[in-house]
Amino acid sequence: MTPGNEPRHVAHETVEERLAEDVVEELDLHPVPQDDGEEPLPPLSEQIAEQLGGVRGLIESSVPVLAFVLFNVLFGESVIGLEKRTALLWAIIGSVGSAVAIGAVRLARKQPVRHAVNGLFGIALGAWLAWRSGDAKNFYLPGILLTFGQAAVLLISVAFRKPLIGYAWGIMANKGRQDWFGNSRLFRAFQWLTLLWVVSLALRAGIQFYLWKLGEANALGVVRILISWPIYAATFAFTAWIIHRITSTQKTGEEAV
């Protein structure tokens, strides 16, 4: 849930932003009707599409993680049989190298490189921690900790009755206005939707943390791709549907008056 105006995940979490475009491609989140004569903002899905990389961005963000897992397995004891730290070095080279290559290709084609740079920073941080500790599992630690941190921030926002999902919607689909505080139905929806995101984030980070504690580095990479991102996509789709349903109903009701 990291629209362009919100803080981003660091370690590999930018891929979640790219998933959002495909999840809400057909959804149209209308702002609360305002009779101020201003041009309405484009649907949320269009705004997200301007910021995110879509399927291509998802693939590009997956490559460094897959490279790390594959190189670690290939050069590890189960296949080639290199010493653990040597296999880790090759995994780091494969991961960082692929991230740099993706950024270079985008730059050569004069395409946006913002996501590539963010992804490279996260990969580099994870690689540094893994190399310093000599344990491949720490490649994923920054992302796990930051996901837990985001869940904590969202929970605090609910406790103070300032749900961050509401602020995100106000920025992206309501011309920056946060007048949803005066809309009791929207306010209640944003409160429990923010709690839903807390559960989603805690679940994804919790599964990964459990595998981290077990030292299952390769399983961590697989889980991040096959489990973590689909959970995010499902949460995002449900959130978008609920907001669309409420705002559409209210707009129809006002037009009927």
Protein backbone atom coordinates (compact mmCIF):
# COMPACT_ATOMS: atom_id res chain seq x y z
CA MET A 1 0.00 0.00 0.00
CA THR A 2 2.57 2.47 -0.89
CA PRO A 3 1.25 5.03 -3.19
CA GLY A 4 3.69 7.47 -4.65
CA ASN A 5 3.11 10.01 -1.86
CA GLU A 6 3.72 7.57 1.01
CA PRO A 7 6.98 6.23 2.43
CA ARG A 8 8.23 3.23 0.45
CA HIS A 9 9.45 -0.13 1.60
CA VAL A 10 13.14 -0.51 1.31
CA ALA A 11 14.14 -4.14 0.78
CA HIS A 12 12.23 -5.51 -2.19
CA GLU A 13 8.97 -4.02 -1.07
CA THR A 14 8.67 -1.75 -4.13
CA VAL A 15 7.31 -4.73 -6.05
CA GLU A 16 4.14 -4.43 -4.03
CA GLU A 17 3.55 -1.04 -5.56
CA ARG A 18 3.81 -2.56 -9.04
CA LEU A 19 1.27 -5.27 -8.21
CA ALA A 20 -1.27 -2.59 -7.32
CA GLU A 21 -1.70 -1.42 -10.91
CA ASP A 22 -2.81 -4.82 -12.14
CA VAL A 23 -5.05 -5.44 -9.12
CA VAL A 24 -7.09 -2.26 -9.61
CA GLU A 25 -6.88 -1.91 -13.37
CA GLU A 26 -10.65 -2.16 -13.75
CA LEU A 27 -11.55 -0.32 -10.54
CA ASP A 28 -12.52 3.33 -10.46
CA LEU A 29 -12.38 4.93 -7.00
CA HIS A 30 -14.41 8.11 -7.22
CA PRO A 31 -13.75 10.98 -4.85
CA VAL A 32 -16.55 12.12 -2.57
CA PRO A 33 -18.65 14.46 -4.72
CA GLN A 34 -17.70 18.11 -4.30
CA ASP A 35 -19.72 20.84 -5.98
CA ASP A 36 -16.81 23.22 -6.42
CA GLY A 37 -16.63 23.36 -10.21
CA GLU A 38 -13.16 21.81 -10.29
CA GLU A 39 -12.10 19.15 -12.75
CA PRO A 40 -12.28 15.71 -11.10
CA LEU A 41 -9.08 13.77 -10.64
CA PRO A 42 -8.52 10.70 -12.83
CA PRO A 43 -9.60 7.35 -11.34
CA LEU A 44 -7.23 5.98 -8.73
CA SER A 45 -6.24 3.15 -11.05
CA GLU A 46 -5.00 5.68 -13.62
CA GLN A 47 -3.01 7.58 -11.01
CA ILE A 48 -1.42 4.38 -9.78
CA ALA A 49 -0.60 3.41 -13.35
CA GLU A 50 1.38 6.63 -13.73
CA GLN A 51 3.49 5.81 -10.70
CA LEU A 52 3.95 2.05 -10.93
CA GLY A 53 5.61 -0.32 -13.34
CA GLY A 54 2.84 -2.87 -13.87
CA VAL A 55 3.67 -6.46 -14.83
CA ARG A 56 7.06 -5.47 -16.20
CA GLY A 57 7.94 -3.78 -12.92
CA LEU A 58 6.90 -6.90 -11.04
CA ILE A 59 9.13 -9.08 -13.19
CA GLU A 60 12.06 -6.70 -12.93
CA SER A 61 11.76 -6.54 -9.15
CA SER A 62 11.50 -10.32 -8.92
CA VAL A 63 14.68 -10.98 -10.89
CA PRO A 64 17.22 -9.93 -8.20
CA VAL A 65 15.44 -12.01 -5.54
CA LEU A 66 15.23 -15.02 -7.83
CA ALA A 67 18.88 -14.57 -8.79
CA PHE A 68 19.90 -14.59 -5.13
CA VAL A 69 17.95 -17.78 -4.42
CA LEU A 70 19.10 -19.59 -7.56
CA PHE A 71 22.78 -18.67 -7.20
CA ASN A 72 22.77 -19.58 -3.53
CA VAL A 73 21.32 -23.01 -4.33
CA LEU A 74 23.43 -23.58 -7.45
CA PHE A 75 26.76 -22.73 -5.85
CA GLY A 76 25.85 -24.15 -2.44
CA GLU A 77 26.53 -27.55 -0.95
CA SER A 78 23.52 -29.21 -2.59
CA VAL A 79 24.75 -28.66 -6.20
CA ILE A 80 28.26 -27.41 -6.95
CA GLY A 81 29.34 -27.73 -3.35
CA LEU A 82 31.24 -24.49 -2.80
CA GLU A 83 31.99 -23.26 0.70
CA LYS A 84 29.04 -21.42 2.25
CA ARG A 85 30.58 -17.94 2.14
CA THR A 86 31.74 -18.40 -1.45
CA ALA A 87 28.26 -19.46 -2.51
CA LEU A 88 26.87 -16.42 -0.67
CA LEU A 89 29.27 -14.15 -2.56
CA TRP A 90 28.05 -15.51 -5.91
CA ALA A 91 24.44 -15.08 -4.81
CA ILE A 92 25.14 -11.46 -3.90
CA ILE A 93 26.92 -10.86 -7.21
CA GLY A 94 24.01 -12.37 -9.13
CA SER A 95 21.40 -10.37 -7.25
CA VAL A 96 23.14 -6.98 -7.25
CA GLY A 97 24.39 -7.52 -10.80
CA SER A 98 20.91 -8.23 -12.13
CA ALA A 99 19.51 -5.16 -10.34
CA VAL A 100 22.25 -2.97 -11.84
CA ALA A 101 21.65 -4.47 -15.29
CA ILE A 102 17.92 -3.74 -15.10
CA GLY A 103 18.63 -0.13 -14.15
CA ALA A 104 21.17 0.22 -16.94
CA VAL A 105 18.76 -1.12 -19.55
CA ARG A 106 16.07 1.30 -18.43
CA LEU A 107 18.52 4.17 -18.45
CA ALA A 108 19.74 3.25 -21.95
CA ARG A 109 16.14 3.21 -23.19
CA LYS A 110 15.47 6.54 -21.46
CA GLN A 111 12.81 4.93 -19.28
CA PRO A 112 12.06 5.86 -15.64
CA VAL A 113 14.68 4.43 -13.29
CA ARG A 114 13.19 5.50 -9.96
CA HIS A 115 11.91 2.03 -9.08
CA ALA A 116 15.13 0.44 -10.29
CA VAL A 117 17.17 2.72 -8.02
CA ASN A 118 14.90 2.02 -5.03
CA GLY A 119 15.14 -1.70 -5.71
CA LEU A 120 18.93 -1.54 -6.03
CA PHE A 121 19.20 0.25 -2.69
CA GLY A 122 17.14 -2.45 -0.99
CA ILE A 123 19.12 -5.24 -2.65
CA ALA A 124 22.42 -3.60 -1.69
CA LEU A 125 21.38 -3.20 1.95
CA GLY A 126 20.25 -6.81 2.20
CA ALA A 127 23.42 -8.00 0.45
CA TRP A 128 25.60 -6.02 2.86
CA LEU A 129 23.88 -7.53 5.90
CA ALA A 130 24.12 -11.03 4.44
CA TRP A 131 27.83 -10.66 3.64
CA ARG A 132 28.70 -9.06 6.97
CA SER A 133 26.96 -11.83 8.93
CA GLY A 134 27.94 -14.60 6.54
CA ASP A 135 24.34 -15.82 6.53
CA ALA A 136 22.14 -15.65 3.43
CA LYS A 137 18.97 -15.28 5.49
CA ASN A 138 19.91 -11.72 6.45
CA PHE A 139 19.50 -10.71 2.83
CA TYR A 140 15.76 -10.55 3.62
CA LEU A 141 15.96 -9.03 7.11
CA PRO A 142 15.54 -5.32 6.18
CA GLY A 143 12.30 -6.02 4.34
CA ILE A 144 10.94 -8.10 7.22
CA LEU A 145 11.69 -5.45 9.83
CA LEU A 146 10.31 -2.62 7.70
CA THR A 147 7.09 -4.54 7.07
CA PHE A 148 6.63 -5.02 10.82
CA GLY A 149 7.37 -1.31 11.26
CA GLN A 150 4.75 -0.31 8.75
CA ALA A 151 2.18 -2.51 10.48
CA ALA A 152 3.00 -0.79 13.78
CA VAL A 153 2.59 2.68 12.27
CA LEU A 154 -0.79 1.74 10.78
CA LEU A 155 -1.96 0.32 14.10
CA ILE A 156 -0.96 3.50 15.91
CA SER A 157 -2.87 5.57 13.35
CA VAL A 158 -6.03 3.58 14.13
CA ALA A 159 -5.52 3.98 17.88
CA PHE A 160 -5.34 7.77 17.42
CA ARG A 161 -8.33 7.66 15.04
CA LYS A 162 -6.23 8.92 12.14
CA PRO A 163 -6.36 5.89 9.80
CA LEU A 164 -3.60 6.14 7.21
CA ILE A 165 -5.62 4.37 4.55
CA GLY A 166 -7.96 7.35 4.66
CA TYR A 167 -5.10 9.79 4.19
CA ALA A 168 -3.82 7.77 1.24
CA TRP A 169 -7.24 7.89 -0.39
CA GLY A 170 -7.54 11.62 0.26
CA ILE A 171 -4.20 12.27 -1.45
CA MET A 172 -4.77 10.01 -4.42
CA ALA A 173 -8.48 10.31 -5.15
CA ASN A 174 -9.87 13.34 -3.32
CA LYS A 175 -7.63 16.16 -4.60
CA GLY A 176 -5.58 16.06 -1.42
CA ARG A 177 -8.58 16.92 0.77
CA GLN A 178 -9.04 14.97 3.96
CA ASP A 179 -12.72 15.84 4.42
CA TRP A 180 -13.61 12.17 4.81
CA PHE A 181 -13.37 12.80 8.56
CA GLY A 182 -16.82 14.32 8.26
CA ASN A 183 -18.17 11.28 6.44
CA SER A 184 -18.97 8.78 9.18
CA ARG A 185 -19.35 5.81 6.85
CA LEU A 186 -16.03 6.44 5.12
CA PHE A 187 -14.30 7.11 8.43
CA ARG A 188 -15.45 3.78 9.90
CA ALA A 189 -14.43 2.00 6.69
CA PHE A 190 -10.95 3.54 6.76
CA GLN A 191 -10.54 2.54 10.40
CA TRP A 192 -11.22 -1.15 9.83
CA LEU A 193 -9.51 -1.22 6.44
CA THR A 194 -6.36 0.13 8.11
CA LEU A 195 -6.65 -2.66 10.67
CA LEU A 196 -7.00 -5.12 7.79
CA TRP A 197 -3.69 -3.85 6.43
CA VAL A 198 -2.12 -4.30 9.85
CA VAL A 199 -3.15 -7.95 9.81
CA SER A 200 -1.99 -8.40 6.21
CA LEU A 201 1.42 -6.86 6.85
CA ALA A 202 1.90 -8.74 10.12
CA LEU A 203 0.97 -12.03 8.45
CA ARG A 204 3.41 -11.56 5.59
CA ALA A 205 6.24 -10.39 7.83
CA GLY A 206 5.43 -13.05 10.42
CA ILE A 207 5.74 -15.93 7.94
CA GLN A 208 9.04 -14.57 6.71
CA PHE A 209 10.34 -13.94 10.22
CA TYR A 210 9.51 -17.52 11.19
CA LEU A 211 11.54 -18.80 8.24
CA TRP A 212 14.32 -16.35 9.12
CA LYS A 213 14.46 -17.75 12.65
CA LEU A 214 14.72 -21.25 11.19
CA GLY A 215 17.54 -20.11 8.93
CA GLU A 216 15.64 -21.08 5.76
CA ALA A 217 17.17 -18.48 3.45
CA ASN A 218 16.06 -20.04 0.17
CA ALA A 219 12.53 -20.61 1.44
CA LEU A 220 12.39 -16.94 2.37
CA GLY A 221 12.93 -15.94 -1.24
CA VAL A 222 10.28 -18.33 -2.48
CA VAL A 223 7.77 -17.16 0.14
CA ARG A 224 8.39 -13.52 -0.72
CA ILE A 225 7.45 -14.18 -4.34
CA LEU A 226 4.77 -16.87 -4.06
CA ILE A 227 3.01 -15.94 -0.81
CA SER A 228 3.84 -12.42 0.35
CA TRP A 229 2.93 -10.54 -2.83
CA PRO A 230 -0.37 -12.36 -3.48
CA ILE A 231 -1.46 -11.50 0.08
CA TYR A 232 -0.66 -7.88 -0.64
CA ALA A 233 -2.52 -7.96 -3.95
CA ALA A 234 -5.63 -9.49 -2.36
CA THR A 235 -5.64 -6.90 0.44
CA PHE A 236 -5.21 -4.06 -2.02
CA ALA A 237 -8.00 -5.36 -4.27
CA PHE A 238 -10.42 -5.73 -1.35
CA THR A 239 -9.57 -2.25 -0.05
CA ALA A 240 -10.13 -0.72 -3.48
CA TRP A 241 -13.45 -2.55 -3.88
CA ILE A 242 -14.79 -1.41 -0.50
CA ILE A 243 -13.89 2.25 -1.09
CA HIS A 244 -15.32 2.10 -4.62
CA ARG A 245 -18.55 0.62 -3.31
CA ILE A 246 -19.02 3.26 -0.61
CA THR A 247 -18.13 6.30 -2.72
CA SER A 248 -20.19 5.09 -5.68
CA THR A 249 -23.23 4.50 -3.46
CA GLN A 250 -22.94 7.93 -1.88
CA LYS A 251 -22.49 9.60 -5.25
CA THR A 252 -25.57 7.86 -6.62
CA GLY A 253 -27.56 8.86 -3.53
CA GLU A 254 -26.62 12.52 -3.85
CA GLU A 255 -27.44 12.58 -7.56
CA ALA A 256 -30.89 11.11 -6.82
CA VAL A 257 -31.70 13.89 -4.33
